[in-house]
N, C-alpha and C. Protein backbone atom coordinates (compact mmCIF):
# COMPACT_ATOMS: atom_id res chain seq x y z
N MET A 1 197.53 148.48 93.61
CA MET A 1 196.08 148.25 93.88
C MET A 1 195.49 149.15 94.93
N GLN A 2 196.39 149.32 95.94
CA GLN A 2 195.88 150.43 97.01
C GLN A 2 195.58 151.72 96.50
N GLN A 3 196.59 152.22 95.43
CA GLN A 3 196.39 153.42 94.91
C GLN A 3 195.10 153.54 94.12
N TRP A 4 194.79 152.50 93.46
CA TRP A 4 193.53 152.52 92.67
C TRP A 4 192.18 152.49 93.40
N GLN A 5 192.34 151.73 94.67
CA GLN A 5 191.15 151.76 95.33
C GLN A 5 190.98 153.07 96.20
N SER A 6 192.08 153.84 96.43
CA SER A 6 191.92 155.27 96.98
C SER A 6 191.20 156.14 96.08
N GLN A 7 191.31 155.72 94.80
CA GLN A 7 190.69 156.73 93.77
C GLN A 7 189.39 156.01 93.36
N GLY A 8 188.89 155.10 94.01
CA GLY A 8 187.46 154.46 93.85
C GLY A 8 187.44 153.52 92.76
N LEU A 9 188.57 152.84 92.21
CA LEU A 9 188.66 151.76 91.30
C LEU A 9 188.86 150.38 92.18
N TYR A 10 187.88 149.52 91.80
CA TYR A 10 188.09 148.26 92.45
C TYR A 10 188.03 147.13 91.48
N LEU A 11 188.81 146.09 91.54
CA LEU A 11 188.89 145.01 90.59
C LEU A 11 188.20 143.86 91.30
N PHE A 12 187.38 143.20 90.60
CA PHE A 12 186.68 142.00 91.03
C PHE A 12 187.01 140.72 90.14
N PHE A 13 187.48 139.84 90.60
CA PHE A 13 187.83 138.71 89.80
C PHE A 13 186.57 137.72 89.65
N LEU A 14 186.32 137.34 88.54
CA LEU A 14 185.18 136.40 88.22
C LEU A 14 185.70 135.12 88.14
N PRO A 15 184.94 134.05 88.45
CA PRO A 15 185.45 132.57 88.24
C PRO A 15 185.36 132.32 86.78
N PRO A 16 186.15 131.33 86.39
CA PRO A 16 186.26 131.01 84.84
C PRO A 16 185.09 131.02 84.22
N TYR A 17 183.95 130.51 84.83
CA TYR A 17 182.70 130.48 84.11
C TYR A 17 181.63 130.98 84.99
N SER A 18 181.04 132.31 84.50
CA SER A 18 179.90 132.95 84.99
C SER A 18 178.76 132.78 84.32
N SER A 19 177.89 131.83 84.34
CA SER A 19 176.77 131.70 83.55
C SER A 19 175.77 132.98 83.68
N GLU A 20 175.79 133.47 85.06
CA GLU A 20 174.84 134.58 85.28
C GLU A 20 175.35 135.87 84.53
N MET A 21 176.51 136.03 84.08
CA MET A 21 177.05 137.27 83.47
C MET A 21 177.01 137.11 82.09
N ASN A 22 176.62 136.04 81.50
CA ASN A 22 176.53 135.83 80.02
C ASN A 22 175.12 135.80 79.51
N PRO A 23 174.60 136.77 78.82
CA PRO A 23 173.26 137.01 78.40
C PRO A 23 172.75 135.81 77.66
N ILE A 24 173.36 135.12 76.85
CA ILE A 24 172.88 134.12 76.16
C ILE A 24 172.49 132.93 76.92
N GLU A 25 173.07 132.79 78.21
CA GLU A 25 172.72 131.66 79.10
C GLU A 25 171.20 132.03 79.53
N ALA A 26 170.62 133.11 79.77
CA ALA A 26 169.40 133.38 79.97
C ALA A 26 168.46 132.91 78.92
N GLN A 27 168.78 133.13 77.66
CA GLN A 27 167.97 132.76 76.51
C GLN A 27 168.04 131.22 76.35
N TRP A 28 169.09 130.60 76.63
CA TRP A 28 169.20 129.39 76.48
C TRP A 28 168.37 128.63 77.66
N HIS A 29 168.48 129.10 78.81
CA HIS A 29 167.42 128.45 79.91
C HIS A 29 166.05 128.56 79.54
N GLN A 30 165.63 129.71 78.93
CA GLN A 30 164.13 129.72 78.58
C GLN A 30 163.92 129.01 77.35
N LEU A 31 164.78 128.87 76.57
CA LEU A 31 164.62 127.83 75.40
C LEU A 31 164.42 126.43 75.90
N LYS A 32 165.29 125.94 76.75
CA LYS A 32 165.14 124.65 77.23
C LYS A 32 163.97 124.51 78.08
N THR A 33 163.68 125.40 79.01
CA THR A 33 162.54 125.11 79.97
C THR A 33 161.03 125.47 79.32
N HIS A 34 161.00 126.25 78.13
CA HIS A 34 159.81 126.53 77.71
C HIS A 34 159.43 126.24 76.17
N GLU A 35 160.47 126.40 75.41
CA GLU A 35 160.41 125.99 73.93
C GLU A 35 160.41 124.57 73.51
N ILE A 36 161.35 123.93 74.26
CA ILE A 36 161.59 122.48 73.76
C ILE A 36 161.56 121.52 74.87
N ALA A 37 161.10 122.03 76.07
CA ALA A 37 160.89 121.07 77.23
C ALA A 37 159.93 120.03 76.83
N GLY A 38 160.18 118.88 77.38
CA GLY A 38 159.19 117.80 77.09
C GLY A 38 158.90 117.30 75.75
N ARG A 39 159.77 117.82 74.88
CA ARG A 39 159.51 117.26 73.49
C ARG A 39 160.66 116.19 73.40
N ILE A 40 160.25 115.16 72.49
CA ILE A 40 161.21 114.05 71.97
C ILE A 40 161.48 114.27 70.55
N PHE A 41 162.84 114.12 70.21
CA PHE A 41 163.21 114.28 68.97
C PHE A 41 163.81 113.03 68.28
N ASP A 42 163.53 112.78 67.18
CA ASP A 42 163.97 111.54 66.55
C ASP A 42 165.34 111.55 66.39
N ASN A 43 166.02 112.58 65.96
CA ASN A 43 167.52 112.70 65.83
C ASN A 43 168.00 114.06 66.11
N GLU A 44 169.42 114.21 65.90
CA GLU A 44 170.00 115.53 66.17
C GLU A 44 169.44 116.65 65.28
N TYR A 45 169.23 116.25 63.92
CA TYR A 45 168.82 117.27 63.02
C TYR A 45 167.45 117.70 63.36
N ASP A 46 166.54 117.05 63.85
CA ASP A 46 165.20 117.47 64.24
C ASP A 46 165.40 118.45 65.56
N LEU A 47 166.32 118.01 66.49
CA LEU A 47 166.55 118.82 67.62
C LEU A 47 167.25 120.20 67.26
N ALA A 48 168.07 120.28 66.32
CA ALA A 48 168.77 121.40 65.81
C ALA A 48 167.69 122.30 65.09
N ASN A 49 166.90 121.75 64.32
CA ASN A 49 165.77 122.62 63.77
C ASN A 49 164.81 123.17 64.83
N ALA A 50 164.62 122.52 65.80
CA ALA A 50 163.57 123.17 66.89
C ALA A 50 164.43 124.22 67.53
N ILE A 51 165.82 124.02 67.76
CA ILE A 51 166.52 125.16 68.50
C ILE A 51 166.61 126.31 67.58
N ILE A 52 166.77 126.05 66.31
CA ILE A 52 166.82 127.18 65.34
C ILE A 52 165.48 127.94 65.13
N ASP A 53 164.45 127.23 65.00
CA ASP A 53 163.07 127.74 65.04
C ASP A 53 162.73 128.55 66.37
N SER A 54 163.09 127.98 67.43
CA SER A 54 162.75 128.67 68.62
C SER A 54 163.52 130.01 68.93
N LEU A 55 164.87 129.97 68.52
CA LEU A 55 165.66 131.29 68.72
C LEU A 55 165.18 132.13 67.61
N GLU A 56 164.92 131.77 66.44
CA GLU A 56 164.22 132.75 65.57
C GLU A 56 162.96 133.43 66.03
N HIS A 57 162.11 132.55 66.46
CA HIS A 57 160.91 133.02 67.16
C HIS A 57 161.13 133.95 68.35
N ARG A 58 162.01 133.64 69.34
CA ARG A 58 162.31 134.52 70.50
C ARG A 58 162.92 135.67 69.90
N SER A 59 163.74 135.74 68.87
CA SER A 59 164.35 137.07 68.40
C SER A 59 163.25 137.92 67.79
N GLN A 60 162.30 137.49 67.13
CA GLN A 60 161.29 138.23 66.62
C GLN A 60 160.44 138.74 67.58
N GLN A 61 160.04 138.10 68.69
CA GLN A 61 159.28 138.54 69.81
C GLN A 61 159.88 139.51 70.56
N GLY A 62 161.22 139.33 70.79
CA GLY A 62 162.10 140.30 71.75
C GLY A 62 162.48 141.60 70.90
N GLY A 63 162.42 141.48 69.56
CA GLY A 63 162.78 142.60 68.74
C GLY A 63 164.23 142.81 68.58
N TRP A 64 164.99 141.59 68.75
CA TRP A 64 166.46 141.58 68.42
C TRP A 64 166.86 140.77 67.27
N SER A 65 167.85 141.08 66.57
CA SER A 65 168.20 140.33 65.34
C SER A 65 169.06 138.97 65.84
N LEU A 66 168.91 138.00 64.99
CA LEU A 66 169.67 136.87 65.23
C LEU A 66 170.58 136.71 63.81
N ASP A 67 171.74 137.23 63.98
CA ASP A 67 172.57 137.39 62.87
C ASP A 67 173.34 136.16 62.38
N ARG A 68 173.64 135.09 63.34
CA ARG A 68 174.32 134.08 62.79
C ARG A 68 173.90 132.82 63.97
N LEU A 69 173.79 131.67 63.48
CA LEU A 69 173.62 130.64 64.37
C LEU A 69 174.30 129.44 63.71
N THR A 70 175.20 128.89 64.49
CA THR A 70 175.91 127.81 64.09
C THR A 70 175.69 126.62 65.09
N LEU A 71 175.50 125.53 64.61
CA LEU A 71 175.46 124.43 65.58
C LEU A 71 176.50 123.41 65.07
N LYS A 72 177.30 122.85 65.84
CA LYS A 72 178.11 121.91 65.55
C LYS A 72 177.71 120.49 66.05
N SER A 73 177.90 119.49 65.05
CA SER A 73 177.65 118.26 65.43
C SER A 73 178.82 117.39 65.53
N ALA A 74 178.82 116.28 66.33
CA ALA A 74 179.94 115.37 66.34
C ALA A 74 180.22 114.54 65.08
């Protein structure tokens, strides 16, 4: 490790979960606070459709593609 540091290489260990390092977390935060906040859904199906519609809308606005979306239910 010392030899690597002398060559300018440093290792930083991240915690097991680093939401700020995961780009989808920022999208999920925006979705929860702006797209579906304050809405009441009759069932999981309606919530899932709202999430899908919101993500598709955000991807079109952002100019990025939404290749696959999978929602798992219990």
